C-alpha atoms as a PDB file:
ATOM      1  CA  UNK A   1     -13.481 -14.059   9.173  1.00  0.00           C
ATOM      2  CA  UNK A   2     -13.934 -13.896   5.083  1.00  0.00           C
ATOM      3  CA  UNK A   3     -12.694 -16.750   3.393  1.00  0.00           C
ATOM      4  CA  UNK A   4      -9.947 -15.718   0.755  1.00  0.00           C
ATOM      5  CA  UNK A   5      -9.245 -17.670  -2.378  1.00  0.00           C
ATOM      6  CA  UNK A   6      -5.747 -16.849  -3.640  1.00  0.00           C
ATOM      7  CA  UNK A   7      -4.659 -18.760  -6.801  1.00  0.00           C
ATOM      8  CA  UNK A   8      -1.005 -17.796  -7.375  1.00  0.00           C
ATOM      9  CA  UNK A   9       0.669 -18.522 -10.493  1.00  0.00           C
ATOM     10  CA  UNK A  10       4.290 -19.028 -10.787  1.00  0.00           C
ATOM     11  CA  UNK A  11       6.120 -20.112  -7.496  1.00  0.00           C
ATOM     12  CA  UNK A  12       7.876 -19.601  -4.415  1.00  0.00           C
ATOM     13  CA  UNK A  13       7.577 -16.397  -3.056  1.00  0.00           C
ATOM     14  CA  UNK A  14      11.414 -15.936  -3.059  1.00  0.00           C
ATOM     15  CA  UNK A  15      11.335 -15.218  -6.678  1.00  0.00           C
ATOM     16  CA  UNK A  16      11.272 -11.957  -8.587  1.00  0.00           C
ATOM     17  CA  UNK A  17       8.178 -11.606  -9.659  1.00  0.00           C
ATOM     18  CA  UNK A  18       4.709 -13.035  -8.353  1.00  0.00           C
ATOM     19  CA  UNK A  19       1.175 -12.893 -10.120  1.00  0.00           C
ATOM     20  CA  UNK A  20      -1.992 -13.215  -7.022  1.00  0.00           C
ATOM     21  CA  UNK A  21      -5.649 -14.078  -7.991  1.00  0.00           C
ATOM     22  CA  UNK A  22      -7.324 -13.402  -5.247  1.00  0.00           C
ATOM     23  CA  UNK A  23     -11.350 -13.409  -3.986  1.00  0.00           C
ATOM     24  CA  UNK A  24     -12.951 -12.822  -0.709  1.00  0.00           C
ATOM     25  CA  UNK A  25     -16.120 -14.042  -1.458  1.00  0.00           C
ATOM     26  CA  UNK A  26     -17.888 -12.003   1.304  1.00  0.00           C
ATOM     27  CA  UNK A  27     -15.889  -8.949   2.717  1.00  0.00           C
ATOM     28  CA  UNK A  28     -17.682  -7.327   5.383  1.00  0.00           C
ATOM     29  CA  UNK A  29     -17.169  -3.674   5.900  1.00  0.00           C
ATOM     30  CA  UNK A  30     -15.265  -3.284   9.560  1.00  0.00           C
ATOM     31  CA  UNK A  31     -12.747  -6.405   8.857  1.00  0.00           C
ATOM     32  CA  UNK A  32      -9.608  -5.282   8.703  1.00  0.00           C
ATOM     33  CA  UNK A  33      -7.641  -6.269   5.996  1.00  0.00           C
ATOM     34  CA  UNK A  34      -4.001  -6.545   6.861  1.00  0.00           C
ATOM     35  CA  UNK A  35      -2.600  -2.739   6.068  1.00  0.00           C
ATOM     36  CA  UNK A  36       0.936  -3.824   4.873  1.00  0.00           C
ATOM     37  CA  UNK A  37       3.963  -2.908   2.961  1.00  0.00           C
ATOM     38  CA  UNK A  38       6.379  -3.750   0.825  1.00  0.00           C
ATOM     39  CA  UNK A  39      10.185  -2.482   0.424  1.00  0.00           C
ATOM     40  CA  UNK A  40      12.508  -2.545  -3.297  1.00  0.00           C
ATOM     41  CA  UNK A  41       9.128  -3.594  -4.915  1.00  0.00           C
ATOM     42  CA  UNK A  42       6.236  -2.681  -6.639  1.00  0.00           C
ATOM     43  CA  UNK A  43       2.997  -3.567  -6.292  1.00  0.00           C
ATOM     44  CA  UNK A  44       0.095  -3.491  -9.045  1.00  0.00           C
ATOM     45  CA  UNK A  45      -3.352  -3.855  -8.087  1.00  0.00           C
ATOM     46  CA  UNK A  46      -6.159  -4.332 -11.073  1.00  0.00           C
ATOM     47  CA  UNK A  47      -9.489  -4.940  -9.403  1.00  0.00           C
ATOM     48  CA  UNK A  48     -12.390  -6.573 -10.497  1.00  0.00           C
ATOM     49  CA  UNK A  49     -15.346  -6.304  -7.667  1.00  0.00           C
ATOM     50  CA  UNK A  50     -16.031  -4.335  -4.524  1.00  0.00           C
ATOM     51  CA  UNK A  51     -16.976  -1.709  -3.030  1.00  0.00           C
ATOM     52  CA  UNK A  52     -14.218  -0.642  -1.199  1.00  0.00           C
ATOM     53  CA  UNK A  53     -11.582   2.461  -0.702  1.00  0.00           C
ATOM     54  CA  UNK A  54      -7.742   2.008  -0.769  1.00  0.00           C
ATOM     55  CA  UNK A  55      -5.562   3.552   1.935  1.00  0.00           C
ATOM     56  CA  UNK A  56      -1.673   4.784   1.677  1.00  0.00           C
ATOM     57  CA  UNK A  57      -0.832   6.939   4.376  1.00  0.00           C
ATOM     58  CA  UNK A  58      -2.965   9.528   4.428  1.00  0.00           C
ATOM     59  CA  UNK A  59      -4.916   9.383   1.853  1.00  0.00           C
ATOM     60  CA  UNK A  60      -7.923   7.762   0.372  1.00  0.00           C
ATOM     61  CA  UNK A  61      -9.141   6.583  -2.949  1.00  0.00           C
ATOM     62  CA  UNK A  62     -12.263   5.349  -4.170  1.00  0.00           C
ATOM     63  CA  UNK A  63     -11.937   2.435  -6.192  1.00  0.00           C
ATOM     64  CA  UNK A  64     -14.107   1.309  -8.787  1.00  0.00           C
ATOM     65  CA  UNK A  65     -13.983  -2.003 -10.781  1.00  0.00           C
ATOM     66  CA  UNK A  66     -11.789  -2.024 -13.572  1.00  0.00           C
ATOM     67  CA  UNK A  67      -9.325   0.476 -11.953  1.00  0.00           C
ATOM     68  CA  UNK A  68      -6.133  -0.199 -11.979  1.00  0.00           C
ATOM     69  CA  UNK A  69      -3.155   0.991  -8.807  1.00  0.00           C
ATOM     70  CA  UNK A  70       0.527   0.615  -8.662  1.00  0.00           C
ATOM     71  CA  UNK A  71       1.983   1.032  -5.538  1.00  0.00           C
ATOM     72  CA  UNK A  72       5.412   1.903  -5.715  1.00  0.00           C
ATOM     73  CA  UNK A  73       8.040   0.527  -3.052  1.00  0.00           C
ATOM     74  CA  UNK A  74       7.770   1.923   1.289  1.00  0.00           C
ATOM     75  CA  UNK A  75       3.729   2.826   0.751  1.00  0.00           C
ATOM     76  CA  UNK A  76       1.870   1.948   3.336  1.00  0.00           C
ATOM     77  CA  UNK A  77      -1.540   0.858   2.117  1.00  0.00           C
ATOM     78  CA  UNK A  78      -4.736  -1.248   2.988  1.00  0.00           C
ATOM     79  CA  UNK A  79      -8.605  -1.533   1.714  1.00  0.00           C
ATOM     80  CA  UNK A  80     -11.400  -0.606   3.230  1.00  0.00           C
ATOM     81  CA  UNK A  81     -14.705  -1.922   2.809  1.00  0.00           C
ATOM     82  CA  UNK A  82     -17.615  -0.331   1.925  1.00  0.00           C
ATOM     83  CA  UNK A  83     -20.259  -2.890   2.108  1.00  0.00           C
ATOM     84  CA  UNK A  84     -20.710  -6.119   1.977  1.00  0.00           C
ATOM     85  CA  UNK A  85     -19.516  -7.575  -1.240  1.00  0.00           C
ATOM     86  CA  UNK A  86     -17.947 -10.183  -3.257  1.00  0.00           C
ATOM     87  CA  UNK A  87     -13.888  -8.291  -3.288  1.00  0.00           C
ATOM     88  CA  UNK A  88     -12.068  -9.163  -6.414  1.00  0.00           C
ATOM     89  CA  UNK A  89      -8.653  -8.191  -7.052  1.00  0.00           C
ATOM     90  CA  UNK A  90      -5.531  -9.555  -9.023  1.00  0.00           C
ATOM     91  CA  UNK A  91      -2.234  -8.562  -8.542  1.00  0.00           C
ATOM     92  CA  UNK A  92       1.424  -8.092  -9.791  1.00  0.00           C
ATOM     93  CA  UNK A  93       4.418  -8.339  -6.875  1.00  0.00           C
ATOM     94  CA  UNK A  94       7.625  -7.001  -8.784  1.00  0.00           C
ATOM     95  CA  UNK A  95      10.966  -6.918  -7.176  1.00  0.00           C
ATOM     96  CA  UNK A  96      13.445  -4.557  -7.672  1.00  0.00           C
ATOM     97  CA  UNK A  97      16.484  -6.844  -8.364  1.00  0.00           C
ATOM     98  CA  UNK A  98      13.602  -8.083 -12.040  1.00  0.00           C
ATOM     99  CA  UNK A  99      14.418  -4.699 -13.041  1.00  0.00           C
ATOM    100  CA  UNK A 100      17.679  -4.452 -13.261  1.00  0.00           C
ATOM    101  CA  UNK A 101      18.331  -5.838 -16.307  1.00  0.00           C
ATOM    102  CA  UNK A 102      16.193  -2.872 -17.880  1.00  0.00           C
ATOM    103  CA  UNK A 103      18.422  -0.097 -16.451  1.00  0.00           C
ATOM    104  CA  UNK A 104      19.531   2.274 -19.381  1.00  0.00           C
ATOM    105  CA  UNK A 105      22.347   5.526 -18.867  1.00  0.00           C
ATOM    106  CA  UNK A 106      19.587   7.928 -18.531  1.00  0.00           C
ATOM    107  CA  UNK A 107      18.747   6.051 -15.060  1.00  0.00           C
ATOM    108  CA  UNK A 108      17.004   2.971 -13.306  1.00  0.00           C
ATOM    109  CA  UNK A 109      13.432   2.051 -14.156  1.00  0.00           C
ATOM    110  CA  UNK A 110      12.523   0.592 -10.548  1.00  0.00           C
ATOM    111  CA  UNK A 111      13.841   4.373  -9.348  1.00  0.00           C
ATOM    112  CA  UNK A 112      11.647   5.949 -12.403  1.00  0.00           C
ATOM    113  CA  UNK A 113       8.286   4.185 -11.364  1.00  0.00           C
ATOM    114  CA  UNK A 114       9.109   4.475  -7.764  1.00  0.00           C
ATOM    115  CA  UNK A 115       8.977   8.350  -8.012  1.00  0.00           C
ATOM    116  CA  UNK A 116       6.007   8.173  -9.055  1.00  0.00           C
ATOM    117  CA  UNK A 117       4.681   7.192  -5.452  1.00  0.00           C
ATOM    118  CA  UNK A 118       0.925   5.779  -6.794  1.00  0.00           C
ATOM    119  CA  UNK A 119      -0.247   5.909 -10.179  1.00  0.00           C
ATOM    120  CA  UNK A 120      -3.991   5.829 -10.262  1.00  0.00           C
ATOM    121  CA  UNK A 121      -5.111   4.690 -13.678  1.00  0.00           C
ATOM    122  CA  UNK A 122      -9.197   5.205 -14.411  1.00  0.00           C
ATOM    123  CA  UNK A 123     -11.385   2.065 -15.307  1.00  0.00           C
ATOM    124  CA  UNK A 124     -11.246   3.629 -18.952  1.00  0.00           C
ATOM    125  CA  UNK A 125      -7.912   4.181 -19.399  1.00  0.00           C
ATOM    126  CA  UNK A 126      -7.171   0.920 -18.332  1.00  0.00           C
ATOM    127  CA  UNK A 127      -9.206  -0.295 -20.826  1.00  0.00           C
ATOM    128  CA  UNK A 128      -8.201   2.647 -23.869  1.00  0.00           C
ATOM    129  CA  UNK A 129      -4.305   1.629 -22.752  1.00  0.00           C
ATOM    130  CA  UNK A 130      -4.961  -2.543 -23.251  1.00  0.00           C
ATOM    131  CA  UNK A 131      -3.566  -2.406 -19.736  1.00  0.00           C
ATOM    132  CA  UNK A 132      -6.042  -5.691 -18.517  1.00  0.00           C
ATOM    133  CA  UNK A 133      -5.278  -7.468 -21.296  1.00  0.00           C
ATOM    134  CA  UNK A 134      -1.120  -7.399 -20.201  1.00  0.00           C
ATOM    135  CA  UNK A 135      -2.342  -8.830 -16.880  1.00  0.00           C
ATOM    136  CA  UNK A 136      -4.039 -11.269 -18.799  1.00  0.00           C
ATOM    137  CA  UNK A 137      -0.468 -11.777 -20.854  1.00  0.00           C
ATOM    138  CA  UNK A 138       1.351 -11.901 -17.383  1.00  0.00           C
ATOM    139  CA  UNK A 139      -1.047 -14.248 -16.255  1.00  0.00           C
ATOM    140  CA  UNK A 140      -1.026 -16.380 -19.132  1.00  0.00           C
ATOM    141  CA  UNK A 141       2.973 -16.447 -19.034  1.00  0.00           C
ATOM    142  CA  UNK A 142       3.246 -17.443 -15.426  1.00  0.00           C
ATOM    143  CA  UNK A 143       0.391 -20.229 -16.544  1.00  0.00           C
ATOM    144  CA  UNK A 144       2.937 -21.543 -18.300  1.00  0.00           C
ATOM    145  CA  UNK A 145       4.925 -24.720 -17.992  1.00  0.00           C
ATOM    146  CA  UNK A 146       7.531 -24.254 -20.749  1.00  0.00           C
ATOM    147  CA  UNK A 147      11.100 -21.937 -19.961  1.00  0.00           C
ATOM    148  CA  UNK A 148       9.494 -18.804 -21.779  1.00  0.00           C
ATOM    149  CA  UNK A 149       6.354 -18.336 -19.522  1.00  0.00           C
ATOM    150  CA  UNK A 150       7.907 -16.091 -17.076  1.00  0.00           C
ATOM    151  CA  UNK A 151      10.119 -14.391 -19.615  1.00  0.00           C
ATOM    152  CA  UNK A 152       6.927 -13.298 -21.576  1.00  0.00           C
ATOM    153  CA  UNK A 153       5.136 -12.440 -17.893  1.00  0.00           C
ATOM    154  CA  UNK A 154       7.795 -10.295 -16.959  1.00  0.00           C
ATOM    155  CA  UNK A 155       8.112  -8.853 -20.209  1.00  0.00           C
ATOM    156  CA  UNK A 156       4.420  -8.206 -19.990  1.00  0.00           C
ATOM    157  CA  UNK A 157       4.472  -6.631 -16.743  1.00  0.00           C
ATOM    158  CA  UNK A 158       7.643  -4.181 -17.655  1.00  0.00           C
ATOM    159  CA  UNK A 159       4.917  -3.490 -20.967  1.00  0.00           C
ATOM    160  CA  UNK A 160       2.845  -2.399 -18.571  1.00  0.00           C
ATOM    161  CA  UNK A 161       4.727  -0.463 -15.847  1.00  0.00           C
ATOM    162  CA  UNK A 162       6.524   1.429 -19.173  1.00  0.00           C
ATOM    163  CA  UNK A 163       2.670   2.291 -19.951  1.00  0.00           C
ATOM    164  CA  UNK A 164       1.755   3.244 -17.338  1.00  0.00           C
ATOM    165  CA  UNK A 165       3.791   5.524 -16.445  1.00  0.00           C
ATOM    166  CA  UNK A 166       3.760   7.451 -20.044  1.00  0.00           C
ATOM    167  CA  UNK A 167       0.223   7.676 -18.874  1.00  0.00           C
ATOM    168  CA  UNK A 168       1.236   9.548 -16.020  1.00  0.00           C
ATOM    169  CA  UNK A 169       3.115  11.800 -17.026  1.00  0.00           C
ATOM    170  CA  UNK A 170       0.176  13.449 -18.817  1.00  0.00           C
ATOM    171  CA  UNK A 171      -1.572  14.098 -16.556  1.00  0.00           C
ATOM    172  CA  UNK A 172      -1.638  14.779 -12.431  1.00  0.00           C
ATOM    173  CA  UNK A 173      -4.238  12.485 -10.480  1.00  0.00           C
ATOM    174  CA  UNK A 174      -6.960  13.556  -8.531  1.00  0.00           C
ATOM    175  CA  UNK A 175      -7.107  10.971  -6.114  1.00  0.00           C
ATOM    176  CA  UNK A 176      -7.959  12.199  -2.590  1.00  0.00           C
ATOM    177  CA  UNK A 177     -10.776  11.379  -0.980  1.00  0.00           C
ATOM    178  CA  UNK A 178     -11.531  13.665   1.947  1.00  0.00           C
ATOM    179  CA  UNK A 179     -12.526  11.456   5.333  1.00  0.00           C
ATOM    180  CA  UNK A 180     -15.349  12.928   6.346  1.00  0.00           C
ATOM    181  CA  UNK A 181     -17.405  14.519   9.054  1.00  0.00           C
ATOM    182  CA  UNK A 182     -14.668  15.255  12.238  1.00  0.00           C
ATOM    183  CA  UNK A 183     -12.281  12.597  11.499  1.00  0.00           C
ATOM    184  CA  UNK A 184     -10.028  15.701   9.433  1.00  0.00           C
ATOM    185  CA  UNK A 185      -9.766  17.300  12.708  1.00  0.00           C
ATOM    186  CA  UNK A 186      -9.420  14.588  14.633  1.00  0.00           C
ATOM    187  CA  UNK A 187      -6.559  13.346  12.556  1.00  0.00           C
ATOM    188  CA  UNK A 188      -5.297  17.057  13.005  1.00  0.00           C
ATOM    189  CA  UNK A 189      -5.213  16.538  16.723  1.00  0.00           C
ATOM    190  CA  UNK A 190      -3.712  13.101  16.844  1.00  0.00           C
ATOM    191  CA  UNK A 191      -0.835  14.513  14.488  1.00  0.00           C
ATOM    192  CA  UNK A 192      -0.527  17.281  16.664  1.00  0.00           C
ATOM    193  CA  UNK A 193       0.069  15.060  19.894  1.00  0.00           C
ATOM    194  CA  UNK A 194       1.958  12.180  18.415  1.00  0.00           C
ATOM    195  CA  UNK A 195       4.751  12.218  20.737  1.00  0.00           C
ATOM    196  CA  UNK A 196       2.236  12.166  23.708  1.00  0.00           C
ATOM    197  CA  UNK A 197       0.420   9.513  25.288  1.00  0.00           C
ATOM    198  CA  UNK A 198      -3.303   9.704  23.462  1.00  0.00           C
ATOM    199  CA  UNK A 199      -5.859   8.082  24.497  1.00  0.00           C
ATOM    200  CA  UNK A 200      -9.823   7.734  23.865  1.00  0.00           C
ATOM    201  CA  UNK A 201     -10.591   9.676  27.260  1.00  0.00           C
ATOM    202  CA  UNK A 202      -8.568  12.720  25.941  1.00  0.00           C
ATOM    203  CA  UNK A 203      -9.365  12.412  22.461  1.00  0.00           C
ATOM    204  CA  UNK A 204     -13.225  11.976  23.318  1.00  0.00           C
ATOM    205  CA  UNK A 205     -13.177  14.814  25.676  1.00  0.00           C
ATOM    206  CA  UNK A 206     -11.338  17.260  23.442  1.00  0.00           C
ATOM    207  CA  UNK A 207     -14.403  16.605  20.192  1.00  0.00           C
ATOM    208  CA  UNK A 208     -17.481  16.225  23.044  1.00  0.00           C
ATOM    209  CA  UNK A 209     -17.703  12.626  22.197  1.00  0.00           C
ATOM    210  CA  UNK A 210     -18.665   9.691  24.119  1.00  0.00           C
ATOM    211  CA  UNK A 211     -15.785   6.980  23.985  1.00  0.00           C
ATOM    212  CA  UNK A 212     -17.916   4.649  22.343  1.00  0.00           C
ATOM    213  CA  UNK A 213     -18.964   7.021  19.361  1.00  0.00           C
ATOM    214  CA  UNK A 214     -15.400   8.021  18.837  1.00  0.00           C
ATOM    215  CA  UNK A 215     -14.485   4.297  18.418  1.00  0.00           C
ATOM    216  CA  UNK A 216     -17.547   3.799  16.306  1.00  0.00           C
ATOM    217  CA  UNK A 217     -16.728   6.393  14.140  1.00  0.00           C
ATOM    218  CA  UNK A 218     -13.137   6.649  13.723  1.00  0.00           C
ATOM    219  CA  UNK A 219     -13.109   2.454  12.961  1.00  0.00           C
ATOM    220  CA  UNK A 220     -16.091   3.499  10.079  1.00  0.00           C
ATOM    221  CA  UNK A 221     -14.555   5.743   8.030  1.00  0.00           C
ATOM    222  CA  UNK A 222     -10.874   4.882   8.785  1.00  0.00           C
ATOM    223  CA  UNK A 223     -11.070   1.030   8.570  1.00  0.00           C
ATOM    224  CA  UNK A 224      -8.788   0.767  11.448  1.00  0.00           C
ATOM    225  CA  UNK A 225      -8.707   1.981  15.543  1.00  0.00           C
ATOM    226  CA  UNK A 226      -7.333   5.037  16.386  1.00  0.00           C
ATOM    227  CA  UNK A 227      -4.711   3.008  18.108  1.00  0.00           C
ATOM    228  CA  UNK A 228      -3.484   1.200  15.033  1.00  0.00           C
ATOM    229  CA  UNK A 229      -3.629   4.475  13.146  1.00  0.00           C
ATOM    230  CA  UNK A 230      -1.608   6.464  15.724  1.00  0.00           C
ATOM    231  CA  UNK A 231       0.831   3.154  15.364  1.00  0.00           C
ATOM    232  CA  UNK A 232       1.057   4.030  11.558  1.00  0.00           C
ATOM    233  CA  UNK A 233       1.756   7.501  11.662  1.00  0.00           C
ATOM    234  CA  UNK A 234       4.545   6.968  14.511  1.00  0.00           C
ATOM    235  CA  UNK A 235       6.227   4.361  12.034  1.00  0.00           C
ATOM    236  CA  UNK A 236       5.785   7.042   8.978  1.00  0.00           C
ATOM    237  CA  UNK A 237       7.272   9.477  11.188  1.00  0.00           C
ATOM    238  CA  UNK A 238      10.150   7.139  11.961  1.00  0.00           C
ATOM    239  CA  UNK A 239      10.765   6.302   8.264  1.00  0.00           C
ATOM    240  CA  UNK A 240      10.780   9.453   7.499  1.00  0.00           C
ATOM    241  CA  UNK A 241      13.972  10.160   9.554  1.00  0.00           C
ATOM    242  CA  UNK A 242      15.728   7.252   8.906  1.00  0.00           C
ATOM    243  CA  UNK A 243      15.563   8.576   5.031  1.00  0.00           C
ATOM    244  CA  UNK A 244      17.104  11.814   5.944  1.00  0.00           C
ATOM    245  CA  UNK A 245      20.153  10.030   7.757  1.00  0.00           C
ATOM    246  CA  UNK A 246      18.758  10.043  11.582  1.00  0.00           C
ATOM    247  CA  UNK A 247      19.636   6.757  13.246  1.00  0.00           C
ATOM    248  CA  UNK A 248      17.035   4.544  14.657  1.00  0.00           C
ATOM    249  CA  UNK A 249      17.242   5.819  18.290  1.00  0.00           C
ATOM    250  CA  UNK A 250      16.322   9.268  16.610  1.00  0.00           C
ATOM    251  CA  UNK A 251      14.038   7.805  14.948  1.00  0.00           C
ATOM    252  CA  UNK A 252      12.491   5.866  18.125  1.00  0.00           C
ATOM    253  CA  UNK A 253      12.780   9.342  20.062  1.00  0.00           C
ATOM    254  CA  UNK A 254      10.831  11.880  16.787  1.00  0.00           C
ATOM    255  CA  UNK A 255       8.148   9.053  16.479  1.00  0.00           C
ATOM    256  CA  UNK A 256       7.399   9.354  20.215  1.00  0.00           C
ATOM    257  CA  UNK A 257       8.138   5.926  21.485  1.00  0.00           C
ATOM    258  CA  UNK A 258       9.357   5.983  24.824  1.00  0.00           C
ATOM    259  CA  UNK A 259      11.004   2.700  24.650  1.00  0.00           C
ATOM    260  CA  UNK A 260      13.097   1.259  21.904  1.00  0.00           C
ATOM    261  CA  UNK A 261      12.431  -2.431  22.107  1.00  0.00           C
ATOM    262  CA  UNK A 262       8.430  -0.992  21.766  1.00  0.00           C
ATOM    263  CA  UNK A 263       9.399   0.833  18.731  1.00  0.00           C
ATOM    264  CA  UNK A 264      12.237  -2.087  17.536  1.00  0.00           C
ATOM    265  CA  UNK A 265       8.531  -4.462  17.658  1.00  0.00           C
ATOM    266  CA  UNK A 266       6.369  -2.558  15.902  1.00  0.00           C
ATOM    267  CA  UNK A 267       8.340  -1.452  13.117  1.00  0.00           C
ATOM    268  CA  UNK A 268       9.350  -5.047  12.220  1.00  0.00           C
ATOM    269  CA  UNK A 269       5.614  -6.076  12.389  1.00  0.00           C
ATOM    270  CA  UNK A 270       4.628  -3.376  10.470  1.00  0.00           C
ATOM    271  CA  UNK A 271       7.343  -2.868   7.871  1.00  0.00           C
ATOM    272  CA  UNK A 272       8.466  -6.392   8.006  1.00  0.00           C
ATOM    273  CA  UNK A 273      12.155  -5.778   8.581  1.00  0.00           C
ATOM    274  CA  UNK A 274      14.267  -3.981  11.078  1.00  0.00           C
ATOM    275  CA  UNK A 275      14.874  -0.522  11.178  1.00  0.00           C
ATOM    276  CA  UNK A 276      18.279  -1.808  10.916  1.00  0.00           C
ATOM    277  CA  UNK A 277      17.359  -3.424   7.314  1.00  0.00           C
ATOM    278  CA  UNK A 278      15.609  -0.671   6.296  1.00  0.00           C
ATOM    279  CA  UNK A 279      18.656   1.970   6.791  1.00  0.00           C
ATOM    280  CA  UNK A 280      21.192  -0.953   4.694  1.00  0.00           C
ATOM    281  CA  UNK A 281      18.362  -0.555   2.407  1.00  0.00           C
ATOM    282  CA  UNK A 282      17.969   3.054   1.556  1.00  0.00           C
ATOM    283  CA  UNK A 283      21.806   3.117   1.688  1.00  0.00           C
ATOM    284  CA  UNK A 284      22.168   0.391  -0.967  1.00  0.00           C
ATOM    285  CA  UNK A 285      19.807   2.334  -3.870  1.00  0.00           C
END
């Protein structure tokens, strides 16, 4: 298990905005960093060092030192380490309620940012626009003990979001990095059979692989096991059905869960909230 040092400025998790500085001294390939999703929040990453990919749903982005990624609410994501490395990053987690005072007649800032999906800003663009300096200002604001510290941190975060939004409007992010070898074909097969009972045995036989080789190449390329990938795809399908107005029971069936109890448990583990809470969140938007 890798030791991860985290410096959290700004205190308790209940606050609408958090700043976290994290360092994993010896991040290893094929060691699963937890996949996670934030509801009603925006997550801003600034990568300092590390050889890794970031995976968002079915997209894979190769990360460079100095790159910034803004992950909007509801996107399931995780890092995949290339090779043993020092993995250093800092991030801001901004809850929707922190932005309510920034709504204008032309729209809600949170919704505008989230409409972008995922924003990827190259190291050169980060430097040229001074986004790294704004990240520094957030850290300084949270380091203050005065009553103005939080205000300064939030103000810098808002400036960072608006500037990143303007930059993303000027060009389309070319962010998809294709999976290599046979993995894309296996993913297509899994998508086509998502509601069926899929095993390593059946998939290995379909692609003329041994089960051991299938496990190895899938884990190496994606960072997770095939079963975890299937679960993530099923949860993504369920979220799509819920977003279209379907019930939790309909989402469970459409996603291939034969037992609603299993669906409920898996959904809560992956999303951090129950299907009912997820539906309530959609209705409140």
